[in-house]
């Protein structure tokens, strides 16, 4: 049996069915995206804008119970807006289970490191761990995120646009 398995592996390598090449990829630091976030049986819609580490604008678009909530995170402060009401708090006090917080934390940690990416003909895949949780990030061949699976959460990127860095003096 061991010989058969070894023979099979050699044949796969010889016929070109071996694993694709890998490369190191650092994701763009700033983007706008429309996402669906699935946690358990609930799907949340959101528009995300990431401007830098821990600098976000998140607008919840679904379900109805959270639609219209807007989170603005900058300089360690979070402002929450809803129907003209606003309040601010220290970002470290953001409830750990909040959907927006889960997404922001996962993406900030993912963007803080170069990823080992397996490059395929049509798509790319990065896997690893962030803290104690495993993640899988599916991307297009141009490294545009499509789906992030992280612990119990799945983030499906429906639209993803890189925000180009403005040169000093541009407006």
N, C-alpha and C. Protein backbone atom coordinates (compact mmCIF):
# COMPACT_ATOMS: atom_id res chain seq x y z
N UNK A 1 0.83 -1.19 0.00
CA UNK A 1 0.00 0.00 0.00
C UNK A 1 0.87 1.25 0.00
N UNK A 2 1.96 1.26 0.80
CA UNK A 2 2.84 2.42 0.85
C UNK A 2 3.47 2.68 -0.52
N UNK A 3 3.84 1.61 -1.22
CA UNK A 3 4.42 1.77 -2.55
C UNK A 3 3.41 2.38 -3.52
N UNK A 4 2.16 1.96 -3.40
CA UNK A 4 1.12 2.49 -4.27
C UNK A 4 0.94 3.99 -4.04
N UNK A 5 0.90 4.40 -2.77
CA UNK A 5 0.75 5.82 -2.44
C UNK A 5 1.95 6.61 -2.95
N UNK A 6 3.15 6.08 -2.75
CA UNK A 6 4.36 6.76 -3.24
C UNK A 6 4.32 6.87 -4.76
N UNK A 7 3.92 5.79 -5.44
CA UNK A 7 3.81 5.80 -6.89
C UNK A 7 2.81 6.86 -7.34
N UNK A 8 1.67 6.93 -6.66
CA UNK A 8 0.64 7.90 -7.00
C UNK A 8 1.15 9.34 -6.86
N UNK A 9 1.87 9.61 -5.79
CA UNK A 9 2.44 10.95 -5.58
C UNK A 9 3.44 11.30 -6.67
N UNK A 10 4.30 10.36 -7.04
CA UNK A 10 5.28 10.61 -8.10
C UNK A 10 4.56 10.89 -9.41
N UNK A 11 3.51 10.15 -9.71
CA UNK A 11 2.76 10.35 -10.94
C UNK A 11 2.09 11.73 -10.96
N UNK A 12 1.56 12.15 -9.83
CA UNK A 12 0.92 13.47 -9.77
C UNK A 12 1.94 14.57 -10.04
N UNK A 13 3.11 14.43 -9.46
CA UNK A 13 4.15 15.44 -9.65
C UNK A 13 4.61 15.45 -11.10
N UNK A 14 4.80 14.28 -11.68
CA UNK A 14 5.28 14.18 -13.05
C UNK A 14 4.25 14.69 -14.06
N UNK A 15 2.98 14.59 -13.77
CA UNK A 15 1.95 15.03 -14.72
C UNK A 15 1.56 16.48 -14.51
N UNK A 16 2.21 17.17 -13.62
CA UNK A 16 1.95 18.59 -13.43
C UNK A 16 0.79 18.89 -12.52
N UNK A 17 0.33 17.95 -11.76
CA UNK A 17 -0.79 18.19 -10.86
C UNK A 17 -0.32 18.53 -9.45
N UNK A 18 0.91 18.91 -9.33
CA UNK A 18 1.45 19.25 -8.01
C UNK A 18 0.88 20.59 -7.58
N UNK A 19 1.08 20.95 -6.33
CA UNK A 19 0.59 22.22 -5.80
C UNK A 19 1.16 23.38 -6.60
N UNK A 20 0.39 24.43 -6.75
CA UNK A 20 0.80 25.61 -7.49
C UNK A 20 1.88 26.35 -6.72
N UNK A 21 2.51 27.29 -7.42
CA UNK A 21 3.56 28.10 -6.82
C UNK A 21 2.98 28.93 -5.67
N UNK A 22 3.85 29.30 -4.76
CA UNK A 22 3.43 30.17 -3.67
C UNK A 22 4.18 31.49 -3.78
N UNK A 23 3.60 32.53 -3.22
CA UNK A 23 4.26 33.82 -3.18
C UNK A 23 3.83 34.54 -1.92
N UNK A 24 4.60 35.54 -1.54
CA UNK A 24 4.28 36.39 -0.39
C UNK A 24 3.50 37.59 -0.90
N UNK A 25 2.36 37.86 -0.27
CA UNK A 25 1.50 38.96 -0.69
C UNK A 25 1.15 39.80 0.53
N UNK A 26 1.25 41.10 0.36
CA UNK A 26 0.76 42.04 1.37
C UNK A 26 -0.46 42.73 0.75
N UNK A 27 -1.56 42.68 1.45
CA UNK A 27 -2.80 43.24 0.93
C UNK A 27 -2.77 44.76 0.97
N UNK A 28 -3.52 45.43 0.08
CA UNK A 28 -3.52 46.89 0.08
C UNK A 28 -4.08 47.42 1.39
N UNK A 29 -3.46 48.47 1.95
CA UNK A 29 -3.87 48.94 3.28
C UNK A 29 -5.22 49.65 3.32
N UNK A 30 -5.68 50.17 2.18
CA UNK A 30 -6.92 50.95 2.17
C UNK A 30 -7.85 50.43 1.09
N UNK A 31 -9.13 50.28 1.45
CA UNK A 31 -10.09 49.79 0.47
C UNK A 31 -11.51 50.18 0.86
N UNK A 32 -12.40 50.09 -0.12
CA UNK A 32 -13.85 50.17 0.07
C UNK A 32 -14.41 48.84 -0.36
N UNK A 33 -15.38 48.32 0.38
CA UNK A 33 -15.92 47.01 0.04
C UNK A 33 -17.37 46.89 0.51
N UNK A 34 -18.14 46.15 -0.26
CA UNK A 34 -19.46 45.71 0.18
C UNK A 34 -19.30 44.25 0.55
N UNK A 35 -19.82 43.87 1.72
CA UNK A 35 -19.62 42.50 2.22
C UNK A 35 -20.91 41.92 2.77
N UNK A 36 -20.95 40.61 2.79
CA UNK A 36 -21.91 39.87 3.58
C UNK A 36 -21.11 39.12 4.63
N UNK A 37 -21.48 39.28 5.89
CA UNK A 37 -20.80 38.63 6.99
C UNK A 37 -21.76 37.61 7.59
N UNK A 38 -21.36 36.36 7.60
CA UNK A 38 -22.21 35.31 8.16
C UNK A 38 -21.60 34.85 9.48
N UNK A 39 -22.41 34.93 10.52
CA UNK A 39 -22.04 34.42 11.84
C UNK A 39 -23.23 33.59 12.30
N UNK A 40 -22.99 32.29 12.47
CA UNK A 40 -24.10 31.40 12.81
C UNK A 40 -25.10 31.37 11.68
N UNK A 41 -26.36 31.59 12.00
CA UNK A 41 -27.42 31.58 11.00
C UNK A 41 -27.76 32.97 10.47
N UNK A 42 -27.04 33.99 10.93
CA UNK A 42 -27.38 35.36 10.56
C UNK A 42 -26.39 35.90 9.53
N UNK A 43 -26.94 36.56 8.50
CA UNK A 43 -26.13 37.21 7.49
C UNK A 43 -26.29 38.71 7.66
N UNK A 44 -25.17 39.40 7.84
CA UNK A 44 -25.14 40.85 7.99
C UNK A 44 -24.58 41.45 6.71
N UNK A 45 -25.19 42.51 6.23
CA UNK A 45 -24.65 43.26 5.11
C UNK A 45 -23.95 44.49 5.64
N UNK A 46 -22.86 44.88 4.98
CA UNK A 46 -22.14 46.07 5.43
C UNK A 46 -21.35 46.66 4.28
N UNK A 47 -21.13 47.96 4.37
CA UNK A 47 -20.19 48.66 3.50
C UNK A 47 -19.00 49.02 4.38
N UNK A 48 -17.83 48.56 3.97
CA UNK A 48 -16.61 48.77 4.76
C UNK A 48 -15.68 49.73 4.04
N UNK A 49 -15.09 50.64 4.76
CA UNK A 49 -14.00 51.46 4.24
C UNK A 49 -12.88 51.37 5.26
N UNK A 50 -11.75 50.81 4.84
CA UNK A 50 -10.58 50.72 5.70
C UNK A 50 -9.57 51.72 5.16
N UNK A 51 -9.17 52.68 6.01
CA UNK A 51 -8.26 53.73 5.58
C UNK A 51 -6.84 53.46 6.06
N UNK A 52 -6.68 52.75 7.16
CA UNK A 52 -5.39 52.39 7.72
C UNK A 52 -5.67 51.43 8.87
N UNK A 53 -4.62 50.98 9.56
CA UNK A 53 -4.82 50.12 10.72
C UNK A 53 -5.73 50.83 11.72
N UNK A 54 -6.76 50.15 12.15
CA UNK A 54 -7.70 50.66 13.15
C UNK A 54 -8.32 52.01 12.76
N UNK A 55 -8.49 52.22 11.48
CA UNK A 55 -9.13 53.43 10.98
C UNK A 55 -10.17 53.00 9.94
N UNK A 56 -11.45 53.02 10.35
CA UNK A 56 -12.54 52.42 9.58
C UNK A 56 -13.78 53.29 9.53
N UNK A 57 -14.59 53.05 8.51
CA UNK A 57 -15.96 53.50 8.44
C UNK A 57 -16.77 52.28 8.04
N UNK A 58 -17.70 51.86 8.90
CA UNK A 58 -18.52 50.67 8.65
C UNK A 58 -19.98 51.06 8.74
N UNK A 59 -20.71 50.81 7.65
CA UNK A 59 -22.14 51.06 7.65
C UNK A 59 -22.86 49.72 7.50
N UNK A 60 -23.69 49.40 8.47
CA UNK A 60 -24.46 48.16 8.43
C UNK A 60 -25.66 48.36 7.50
N UNK A 61 -25.88 47.40 6.58
CA UNK A 61 -26.97 47.51 5.61
C UNK A 61 -28.04 46.43 5.78
N UNK A 62 -27.77 45.41 6.57
CA UNK A 62 -28.74 44.33 6.80
C UNK A 62 -28.26 43.50 8.00
N UNK A 63 -29.17 42.84 8.69
CA UNK A 63 -30.63 42.83 8.59
C UNK A 63 -31.22 44.13 9.14
N UNK A 64 -32.54 44.20 9.11
CA UNK A 64 -33.25 45.43 9.49
C UNK A 64 -32.89 45.91 10.90
N UNK A 65 -32.60 44.99 11.80
CA UNK A 65 -32.32 45.37 13.20
C UNK A 65 -31.06 46.22 13.34
N UNK A 66 -30.11 46.12 12.39
CA UNK A 66 -28.87 46.89 12.49
C UNK A 66 -28.67 47.84 11.31
N UNK A 67 -29.59 47.80 10.36
CA UNK A 67 -29.46 48.64 9.16
C UNK A 67 -29.42 50.10 9.56
N UNK A 68 -28.44 50.82 9.03
CA UNK A 68 -28.30 52.24 9.32
C UNK A 68 -27.29 52.57 10.40
N UNK A 69 -26.82 51.56 11.15
CA UNK A 69 -25.76 51.81 12.13
C UNK A 69 -24.47 52.15 11.39
N UNK A 70 -23.82 53.23 11.81
CA UNK A 70 -22.56 53.64 11.19
C UNK A 70 -21.51 53.75 12.28
N UNK A 71 -20.41 53.03 12.09
CA UNK A 71 -19.30 53.05 13.02
C UNK A 71 -18.12 53.76 12.35
N UNK A 72 -17.60 54.79 13.02
CA UNK A 72 -16.42 55.50 12.54
C UNK A 72 -15.33 55.30 13.59
N UNK A 73 -14.24 54.66 13.19
CA UNK A 73 -13.17 54.32 14.12
C UNK A 73 -11.90 55.07 13.70
N UNK A 74 -11.41 55.94 14.58
CA UNK A 74 -10.16 56.67 14.34
C UNK A 74 -9.50 57.00 15.66
N UNK A 75 -8.18 56.94 15.66
CA UNK A 75 -7.39 57.35 16.83
C UNK A 75 -7.88 56.76 18.15
N UNK A 76 -8.27 55.50 18.15
CA UNK A 76 -8.70 54.84 19.38
C UNK A 76 -10.09 55.19 19.85
N UNK A 77 -10.81 55.99 19.08
CA UNK A 77 -12.18 56.37 19.42
C UNK A 77 -13.14 55.79 18.39
N UNK A 78 -14.30 55.37 18.84
CA UNK A 78 -15.35 54.90 17.95
C UNK A 78 -16.56 55.79 18.14
N UNK A 79 -17.08 56.28 17.02
CA UNK A 79 -18.34 57.02 17.04
C UNK A 79 -19.39 56.13 16.39
N UNK A 80 -20.52 56.01 17.03
CA UNK A 80 -21.64 55.25 16.49
C UNK A 80 -22.73 56.24 16.15
N UNK A 81 -23.25 56.13 14.93
CA UNK A 81 -24.35 56.98 14.50
C UNK A 81 -25.53 56.14 14.06
N UNK A 82 -26.73 56.61 14.39
CA UNK A 82 -27.95 55.92 13.96
C UNK A 82 -29.10 56.92 13.97
N UNK A 83 -29.71 57.14 12.83
CA UNK A 83 -30.86 58.04 12.71
C UNK A 83 -30.62 59.41 13.35
N UNK A 84 -29.46 59.98 13.10
CA UNK A 84 -29.16 61.31 13.62
C UNK A 84 -28.62 61.33 15.03
N UNK A 85 -28.63 60.22 15.74
CA UNK A 85 -28.06 60.14 17.09
C UNK A 85 -26.60 59.69 16.97
N UNK A 86 -25.74 60.26 17.82
CA UNK A 86 -24.32 59.91 17.80
C UNK A 86 -23.80 59.79 19.22
N UNK A 87 -22.93 58.83 19.43
CA UNK A 87 -22.19 58.78 20.69
C UNK A 87 -20.83 58.17 20.40
N UNK A 88 -19.88 58.49 21.26
CA UNK A 88 -18.50 58.03 21.09
C UNK A 88 -18.05 57.26 22.31
N UNK A 89 -17.10 56.38 22.11
CA UNK A 89 -16.50 55.64 23.22
C UNK A 89 -15.11 55.19 22.81
N UNK A 90 -14.32 54.79 23.80
CA UNK A 90 -12.99 54.25 23.58
C UNK A 90 -13.13 52.94 22.80
N UNK A 91 -12.43 52.81 21.69
CA UNK A 91 -12.55 51.62 20.83
C UNK A 91 -12.24 50.34 21.58
N UNK A 92 -11.36 50.40 22.58
CA UNK A 92 -11.04 49.19 23.35
C UNK A 92 -12.25 48.68 24.13
N UNK A 93 -13.27 49.51 24.30
CA UNK A 93 -14.48 49.12 25.01
C UNK A 93 -15.58 48.62 24.06
N UNK A 94 -15.24 48.51 22.76
CA UNK A 94 -16.17 48.00 21.76
C UNK A 94 -16.55 46.58 22.15
N UNK A 95 -17.83 46.24 22.20
CA UNK A 95 -18.21 44.87 22.57
C UNK A 95 -17.53 43.84 21.66
N UNK A 96 -16.87 42.87 22.26
CA UNK A 96 -16.07 41.89 21.52
C UNK A 96 -16.88 41.11 20.50
N UNK A 97 -18.15 40.84 20.78
CA UNK A 97 -18.97 40.04 19.88
C UNK A 97 -19.66 40.82 18.79
N UNK A 98 -19.49 42.15 18.76
CA UNK A 98 -20.14 42.97 17.75
C UNK A 98 -19.60 42.62 16.37
N UNK A 99 -20.49 42.49 15.41
CA UNK A 99 -20.11 42.07 14.05
C UNK A 99 -19.06 43.02 13.47
N UNK A 100 -19.29 44.32 13.57
CA UNK A 100 -18.35 45.28 13.02
C UNK A 100 -16.97 45.11 13.65
N UNK A 101 -16.93 44.92 14.96
CA UNK A 101 -15.66 44.74 15.67
C UNK A 101 -14.96 43.47 15.21
N UNK A 102 -15.71 42.38 15.06
CA UNK A 102 -15.12 41.11 14.62
C UNK A 102 -14.47 41.25 13.25
N UNK A 103 -15.16 41.91 12.32
CA UNK A 103 -14.63 42.08 10.97
C UNK A 103 -13.40 42.98 10.99
N UNK A 104 -13.49 44.12 11.68
CA UNK A 104 -12.37 45.05 11.72
C UNK A 104 -11.14 44.40 12.33
N UNK A 105 -11.29 43.70 13.44
CA UNK A 105 -10.16 43.05 14.09
C UNK A 105 -9.52 42.00 13.19
N UNK A 106 -10.35 41.15 12.57
CA UNK A 106 -9.82 40.09 11.71
C UNK A 106 -9.06 40.68 10.53
N UNK A 107 -9.64 41.68 9.87
CA UNK A 107 -8.99 42.26 8.70
C UNK A 107 -7.74 43.03 9.10
N UNK A 108 -7.77 43.80 10.19
CA UNK A 108 -6.57 44.51 10.64
C UNK A 108 -5.44 43.52 10.93
N UNK A 109 -5.73 42.42 11.57
CA UNK A 109 -4.68 41.43 11.87
C UNK A 109 -4.20 40.74 10.60
N UNK A 110 -5.08 40.51 9.66
CA UNK A 110 -4.72 39.88 8.39
C UNK A 110 -3.82 40.80 7.57
N UNK A 111 -4.13 42.09 7.57
CA UNK A 111 -3.37 43.06 6.79
C UNK A 111 -2.03 43.40 7.41
N UNK A 112 -1.83 43.04 8.65
CA UNK A 112 -0.59 43.39 9.35
C UNK A 112 0.56 42.46 9.01
N UNK A 113 0.33 41.44 8.18
CA UNK A 113 1.38 40.47 7.91
C UNK A 113 1.40 40.10 6.43
N UNK A 114 2.59 39.75 5.91
CA UNK A 114 2.62 39.21 4.55
C UNK A 114 2.00 37.81 4.58
N UNK A 115 1.23 37.48 3.56
CA UNK A 115 0.54 36.19 3.50
C UNK A 115 1.26 35.26 2.54
N UNK A 116 1.36 33.99 2.92
CA UNK A 116 1.82 32.95 2.00
C UNK A 116 0.63 32.55 1.16
N UNK A 117 0.68 32.82 -0.13
CA UNK A 117 -0.44 32.61 -1.02
C UNK A 117 -0.11 31.50 -2.02
N UNK A 118 -1.03 30.56 -2.16
CA UNK A 118 -0.91 29.54 -3.20
C UNK A 118 -1.58 30.11 -4.43
N UNK A 119 -0.82 30.23 -5.51
CA UNK A 119 -1.29 30.86 -6.72
C UNK A 119 -1.79 29.80 -7.69
N UNK A 120 -3.05 29.91 -8.09
CA UNK A 120 -3.64 29.02 -9.08
C UNK A 120 -3.83 29.75 -10.40
N UNK A 121 -4.41 29.07 -11.38
CA UNK A 121 -4.66 29.69 -12.68
C UNK A 121 -5.70 30.79 -12.61
N UNK A 122 -6.76 30.56 -11.85
CA UNK A 122 -7.88 31.50 -11.79
C UNK A 122 -8.04 32.19 -10.44
N UNK A 123 -7.43 31.63 -9.40
CA UNK A 123 -7.62 32.19 -8.06
C UNK A 123 -6.40 31.91 -7.20
N UNK A 124 -6.39 32.51 -6.02
CA UNK A 124 -5.31 32.34 -5.06
C UNK A 124 -5.91 32.02 -3.70
N UNK A 125 -5.11 31.40 -2.86
CA UNK A 125 -5.60 31.00 -1.55
C UNK A 125 -4.52 31.22 -0.50
N UNK A 126 -4.90 31.87 0.59
CA UNK A 126 -3.99 32.05 1.73
C UNK A 126 -4.64 31.40 2.94
N UNK A 127 -3.86 30.65 3.70
CA UNK A 127 -4.35 30.03 4.92
C UNK A 127 -3.34 30.27 6.02
N UNK A 128 -3.80 30.19 7.25
CA UNK A 128 -2.91 30.36 8.38
C UNK A 128 -3.70 30.52 9.65
N UNK A 129 -3.08 31.13 10.64
CA UNK A 129 -3.75 31.39 11.90
C UNK A 129 -3.55 32.85 12.29
N UNK A 130 -4.57 33.38 12.93
CA UNK A 130 -4.51 34.71 13.54
C UNK A 130 -4.88 34.49 14.99
N UNK A 131 -3.93 34.68 15.86
CA UNK A 131 -4.18 34.34 17.26
C UNK A 131 -4.36 32.84 17.37
N UNK A 132 -5.48 32.41 17.93
CA UNK A 132 -5.77 30.98 18.06
C UNK A 132 -6.75 30.48 17.01
N UNK A 133 -7.13 31.33 16.06
CA UNK A 133 -8.14 30.96 15.05
C UNK A 133 -7.48 30.75 13.69
N UNK A 134 -7.96 29.73 12.98
CA UNK A 134 -7.51 29.49 11.61
C UNK A 134 -8.27 30.40 10.67
N UNK A 135 -7.60 30.77 9.56
CA UNK A 135 -8.29 31.54 8.54
C UNK A 135 -7.99 30.97 7.16
N UNK A 136 -8.90 31.21 6.24
CA UNK A 136 -8.72 30.92 4.82
C UNK A 136 -9.19 32.14 4.07
N UNK A 137 -8.33 32.68 3.20
CA UNK A 137 -8.68 33.84 2.39
C UNK A 137 -8.59 33.44 0.93
N UNK A 138 -9.74 33.47 0.24
CA UNK A 138 -9.79 33.22 -1.20
C UNK A 138 -9.70 34.55 -1.92
N UNK A 139 -8.87 34.59 -2.98
CA UNK A 139 -8.67 35.82 -3.74
C UNK A 139 -8.68 35.53 -5.23
N UNK A 140 -8.87 36.58 -6.02
CA UNK A 140 -8.72 36.45 -7.47
C UNK A 140 -7.24 36.31 -7.77
N UNK A 141 -6.91 36.04 -9.02
CA UNK A 141 -5.50 35.90 -9.38
C UNK A 141 -4.74 37.22 -9.24
N UNK A 142 -5.47 38.33 -9.12
CA UNK A 142 -4.86 39.65 -8.89
C UNK A 142 -4.85 40.02 -7.41
N UNK A 143 -5.09 39.05 -6.54
CA UNK A 143 -5.06 39.21 -5.08
C UNK A 143 -6.17 40.12 -4.55
N UNK A 144 -7.31 40.12 -5.19
CA UNK A 144 -8.48 40.84 -4.69
C UNK A 144 -9.26 39.87 -3.81
N UNK A 145 -9.45 40.21 -2.53
CA UNK A 145 -10.17 39.30 -1.62
C UNK A 145 -11.58 38.99 -2.11
N UNK A 146 -11.96 37.71 -2.00
CA UNK A 146 -13.31 37.27 -2.35
C UNK A 146 -14.04 36.72 -1.14
N UNK A 147 -13.35 35.95 -0.32
CA UNK A 147 -14.01 35.35 0.85
C UNK A 147 -12.96 35.09 1.94
N UNK A 148 -13.31 35.51 3.16
CA UNK A 148 -12.48 35.26 4.33
C UNK A 148 -13.27 34.39 5.29
N UNK A 149 -12.72 33.24 5.62
CA UNK A 149 -13.31 32.37 6.63
C UNK A 149 -12.38 32.42 7.83
N UNK A 150 -12.95 32.87 8.96
CA UNK A 150 -12.15 33.09 10.16
C UNK A 150 -12.97 32.64 11.36
N UNK A 151 -12.56 31.52 11.96
CA UNK A 151 -13.32 30.99 13.09
C UNK A 151 -14.74 30.69 12.66
N UNK A 152 -15.71 31.25 13.38
CA UNK A 152 -17.13 31.03 13.09
C UNK A 152 -17.70 32.06 12.10
N UNK A 153 -16.84 32.93 11.59
CA UNK A 153 -17.29 34.03 10.74
C UNK A 153 -16.83 33.83 9.30
N UNK A 154 -17.72 34.14 8.35
CA UNK A 154 -17.38 34.16 6.94
C UNK A 154 -17.69 35.54 6.39
N UNK A 155 -16.71 36.16 5.74
CA UNK A 155 -16.90 37.46 5.12
C UNK A 155 -16.78 37.27 3.62
N UNK A 156 -17.88 37.52 2.92
CA UNK A 156 -17.89 37.43 1.46
C UNK A 156 -17.79 38.85 0.90
N UNK A 157 -16.71 39.10 0.14
CA UNK A 157 -16.50 40.42 -0.45
C UNK A 157 -17.25 40.49 -1.77
N UNK A 158 -18.34 41.26 -1.81
CA UNK A 158 -19.16 41.37 -3.01
C UNK A 158 -18.57 42.37 -4.00
N UNK A 159 -17.95 43.39 -3.46
CA UNK A 159 -17.31 44.43 -4.24
C UNK A 159 -16.07 44.85 -3.47
N UNK A 160 -14.97 45.09 -4.16
CA UNK A 160 -13.73 45.45 -3.47
C UNK A 160 -12.96 46.43 -4.35
N UNK A 161 -12.74 47.64 -3.83
CA UNK A 161 -11.99 48.66 -4.56
C UNK A 161 -10.86 49.17 -3.67
N UNK A 162 -9.66 49.17 -4.22
CA UNK A 162 -8.51 49.70 -3.49
C UNK A 162 -8.61 51.21 -3.49
N UNK A 163 -8.32 51.82 -2.35
CA UNK A 163 -8.25 53.28 -2.25
C UNK A 163 -6.80 53.65 -2.50
N UNK A 164 -6.58 54.38 -3.55
CA UNK A 164 -5.22 54.80 -3.87
C UNK A 164 -4.79 55.88 -2.89
N UNK A 165 -3.55 55.80 -2.47
CA UNK A 165 -3.01 56.78 -1.53
C UNK A 165 -2.83 58.12 -2.24
N UNK A 166 -3.36 59.16 -1.64
CA UNK A 166 -3.20 60.50 -2.20
C UNK A 166 -1.82 61.04 -1.86
N UNK A 167 -1.20 61.66 -2.84
CA UNK A 167 0.09 62.29 -2.60
C UNK A 167 -0.14 63.56 -1.77
N UNK A 168 0.86 63.95 -1.03
CA UNK A 168 0.74 65.14 -0.20
C UNK A 168 0.41 66.35 -1.09
N UNK A 169 -0.59 67.11 -0.70
CA UNK A 169 -1.02 68.28 -1.45
C UNK A 169 -2.18 68.02 -2.38
N UNK A 170 -2.50 66.72 -2.66
CA UNK A 170 -3.65 66.39 -3.50
C UNK A 170 -4.92 66.45 -2.67
N UNK A 171 -6.01 66.81 -3.31
CA UNK A 171 -7.30 66.79 -2.62
C UNK A 171 -8.34 66.17 -3.48
